[in-house]
Amino acid sequence: MRLNLHADGEAAIALVWDRCLYPQQWSQWAPQIRRVDCEAETLDLGVTGTVYGVVPNLGATFEVLEFDPSNHRWLWDVVAGPVKMRLEHSSVERIGGGSSTTLTADGPVGAVLTYAPVARISLESLVRPTKLT
């Protein structure tokens, strides 16, 4: 199943991209993420790591498959047990200020539908201009 999610907000595109670029910041805007172990400080093509959620010591591995910083776009595979999802993130500057961000999730129906509500919350937080905690 392929599902597109979208959010608009007042955060500048540079701030949105910065929040995506540094995996250690993901937990600040994505409530499903508690921590990230990553082989690199910033995203780039081929970077791998593990994302940990609310269940301690149960992580999902990931690999960045496409990385286009000039267009604020990246694509990664995330694998948790037998479930694999492909997630494509892209953000653009809005005319008049702020930014828009899109997530395309592709994977098993149950996984995509379970992930969609929390992903929507994450996208809305990502484009929020205030400092995240």
Protein backbone atom coordinates (compact mmCIF):
# COMPACT_ATOMS: atom_id res chain seq x y z
CA MET A 1 0.00 0.00 0.00
CA ARG A 2 1.20 3.49 -0.85
CA LEU A 3 -0.02 6.46 1.21
CA ASN A 4 0.84 10.17 0.94
CA LEU A 5 0.72 12.42 4.01
CA HIS A 6 1.22 16.18 3.99
CA ALA A 7 1.60 19.07 6.44
CA ASP A 8 2.03 22.83 6.09
CA GLY A 9 3.58 25.04 8.74
CA GLU A 10 5.38 28.26 9.49
CA ALA A 11 8.86 26.76 10.03
CA ALA A 12 11.42 27.92 7.49
CA ILE A 13 12.61 25.27 5.06
CA ALA A 14 16.15 25.51 6.47
CA LEU A 15 14.87 24.59 9.94
CA VAL A 16 12.76 21.72 8.60
CA TRP A 17 15.70 20.32 6.64
CA ASP A 18 18.01 20.70 9.65
CA ARG A 19 15.55 18.68 11.78
CA CYS A 20 15.60 15.88 9.19
CA LEU A 21 19.32 16.01 8.48
CA TYR A 22 20.41 15.14 12.04
CA PRO A 23 18.99 11.77 13.19
CA GLN A 24 19.67 12.66 16.83
CA GLN A 25 17.00 15.38 16.48
CA TRP A 26 14.26 13.06 15.17
CA SER A 27 12.90 12.27 18.63
CA GLN A 28 12.27 16.00 19.15
CA TRP A 29 9.61 16.13 16.44
CA ALA A 30 8.57 12.48 15.98
CA PRO A 31 6.79 11.17 19.10
CA GLN A 32 7.18 7.54 18.00
CA ILE A 33 10.98 7.82 18.15
CA ARG A 34 12.78 7.62 21.49
CA ARG A 35 16.34 7.49 20.16
CA VAL A 36 18.39 6.83 17.04
CA ASP A 37 21.67 4.97 16.73
CA CYS A 38 23.25 6.04 13.47
CA GLU A 39 26.62 5.40 11.86
CA ALA A 40 26.88 9.07 10.84
CA GLU A 41 26.05 12.40 12.45
CA THR A 42 24.04 13.50 9.41
CA LEU A 43 21.99 11.78 6.75
CA ASP A 44 23.61 10.94 3.46
CA LEU A 45 23.30 8.31 0.77
CA GLY A 46 23.93 4.85 2.21
CA VAL A 47 23.79 5.86 5.88
CA THR A 48 22.41 3.12 8.13
CA GLY A 49 21.19 2.97 11.69
CA THR A 50 18.50 1.86 14.08
CA VAL A 51 15.44 3.79 15.25
CA TYR A 52 14.05 2.90 18.68
CA GLY A 53 10.45 3.55 19.60
CA VAL A 54 8.36 3.14 22.70
CA VAL A 55 9.26 -0.54 23.23
CA PRO A 56 12.71 -0.60 24.90
CA ASN A 57 15.46 -2.42 22.99
CA LEU A 58 13.19 -3.10 20.01
CA GLY A 59 14.51 -1.18 17.05
CA ALA A 60 13.88 -0.81 13.36
CA THR A 61 16.93 -0.74 11.11
CA PHE A 62 17.16 1.76 8.29
CA GLU A 63 19.20 2.61 5.23
CA VAL A 64 19.10 5.87 3.26
CA LEU A 65 18.60 4.90 -0.40
CA GLU A 66 18.30 8.35 -1.98
CA PHE A 67 19.51 11.69 -0.65
CA ASP A 68 18.99 15.03 -2.42
CA PRO A 69 19.77 17.96 -0.11
CA SER A 70 19.33 20.58 -2.85
CA ASN A 71 15.67 19.52 -3.15
CA HIS A 72 15.19 18.68 0.57
CA ARG A 73 14.32 15.08 -0.28
CA TRP A 74 15.39 11.68 1.03
CA LEU A 75 14.18 8.12 0.78
CA TRP A 76 14.89 5.30 3.19
CA ASP A 77 13.94 1.71 3.90
CA VAL A 78 12.92 0.89 7.46
CA VAL A 79 12.78 -2.75 8.59
CA ALA A 80 11.24 -4.00 11.85
CA GLY A 81 11.24 -7.79 12.02
CA PRO A 82 9.50 -9.10 8.89
CA VAL A 83 7.98 -5.69 8.05
CA LYS A 84 9.68 -3.39 5.56
CA MET A 85 8.47 0.07 4.64
CA ARG A 86 9.89 2.55 2.17
CA LEU A 87 9.51 6.14 3.32
CA GLU A 88 10.09 9.16 1.10
CA HIS A 89 10.36 12.59 2.72
CA SER A 90 10.34 15.87 0.85
CA SER A 91 9.92 19.46 1.94
CA VAL A 92 9.51 22.70 0.02
CA GLU A 93 9.42 26.37 0.85
CA ARG A 94 5.94 27.88 0.66
CA ILE A 95 5.27 31.11 -1.18
CA GLY A 96 4.87 33.76 1.50
CA GLY A 97 6.88 31.84 4.09
CA GLY A 98 6.91 28.60 5.96
CA SER A 99 7.20 25.18 4.44
CA SER A 100 5.29 22.14 3.29
CA THR A 101 6.43 18.60 3.94
CA THR A 102 5.28 15.32 2.43
CA LEU A 103 5.79 11.71 3.43
CA THR A 104 5.03 8.83 1.10
CA ALA A 105 4.87 5.51 2.95
CA ASP A 106 4.93 2.30 0.95
CA GLY A 107 4.63 -1.11 2.61
CA PRO A 108 2.21 -3.72 3.93
CA VAL A 109 -1.31 -2.35 4.40
CA GLY A 110 -1.38 -3.00 8.15
CA ALA A 111 1.99 -1.34 8.74
CA VAL A 112 1.19 1.74 6.65
CA LEU A 113 -2.24 2.24 8.23
CA THR A 114 -0.82 1.79 11.75
CA TYR A 115 2.01 4.23 11.06
CA ALA A 116 -0.10 6.92 9.34
CA PRO A 117 -1.67 8.63 12.41
CA VAL A 118 1.61 9.07 14.27
CA ALA A 119 3.39 10.05 11.05
CA ARG A 120 0.83 12.83 10.52
CA ILE A 121 1.51 14.16 14.03
CA SER A 122 5.25 14.02 13.33
CA LEU A 123 4.92 15.96 10.07
CA GLU A 124 2.86 18.67 11.77
CA SER A 125 5.51 18.97 14.48
CA LEU A 126 8.29 19.02 11.87
CA VAL A 127 6.92 22.19 10.23
CA ARG A 128 6.12 23.95 13.52
CA PRO A 129 8.35 27.01 13.93
CA THR A 130 8.79 26.87 17.71
CA LYS A 131 11.77 25.28 19.36
CA LEU A 132 11.14 21.59 19.94
CA THR A 133 11.75 19.89 23.27
